Amino acid sequence: MNQREILEVMKKAAVKAGEIIMDIYKTDFTVDYKDDHSPLTQADRQANACIIEQLAAHFPEYSILSEETEDNMERRENDYCFIVDPLDGTKEFVKRNGQFTVNIALAYKQHPVLGVIYVPVTKDLFYASTNEGAFKKDGATGEVTKITVSDKLNNLVWVGSKSHSTDKEQKLIKAHEAQITEVISAGSSLKGCLVAEQKADIYYRFGLTHEWDTAAMHCIAEQAGAIVRQMDHSELIYNRENTLNEKGFYIVNRKENVW
């Protein structure tokens, strides 16, 4: 299969998982907690089962790394690895604020080459490939638009986390307050999408994340023209033994905004 065909399967899997999530969202669902105290719901589990089933059926030769599936280190022997977060922003899901997504990426030799992010509440669909760039399908109109980052150096819009803001972020905002005119917040991988579609310009994340939190967003933002690096300016790669992104990362519209 070529990139476009693989991407179509990923998009359909993400939308189907989003429909499952919304069915549960409308109910009086229960919340469990993992060992790290992060929330887990029936939506996480059912969306994960849906995505894994679709990907495994179409691409049995590819490995899969998912937040909600027991990790198998044999995945590292495969050049192709799907990286899945079936419900990114479970905290936002529990709060019922709509700021959650379905994330599916495909990494080839540790680099994200395809990315899909679906927003179940709005039905917006973001997707990207290294061959064709980044796109947004509007959930309300169905219109598909190619998206690119802004070229702004001033009057910047900073986007940060709804649930994970840090003192380091506040200090960086303060240090560059002459360039930043607005600070907004968003949940889950929506932050990277906002940079990709020019609704924000810079996103710095000092806190810990995992590969499944960033892979799809990384691909979409990068293919829209953003610079995506770890905080020490090294490359952020995937299908690693340790899935934790320990260094933090940034997604910015221009190299001049790498601080």
Foldseek 3Di string as FASTA:
>chain_A
DDPVVVQVLQQVLFQVLLVLLVVVLPDPWDWDADPVRDIDTPSQVVSVVSNVVSCCVVCVPAAEAEPPDDDDLVNLVAQKYKYWRSWFFVVCSVVVPQQIWTWIFIGGNFATAKIWIARSVQRKIWIAGPVPFIWIQGSVPRDIDHWAADPDPACFEEEEEPPDDDPVVVVVCVVPVRRHDYYYYGGALVRLVCRRRHVGFKYWWADKDFCNRPRNSVRRLVSNQWDKAFLVRHHRTDSDPDRMSNRTMMTGRDPSPND
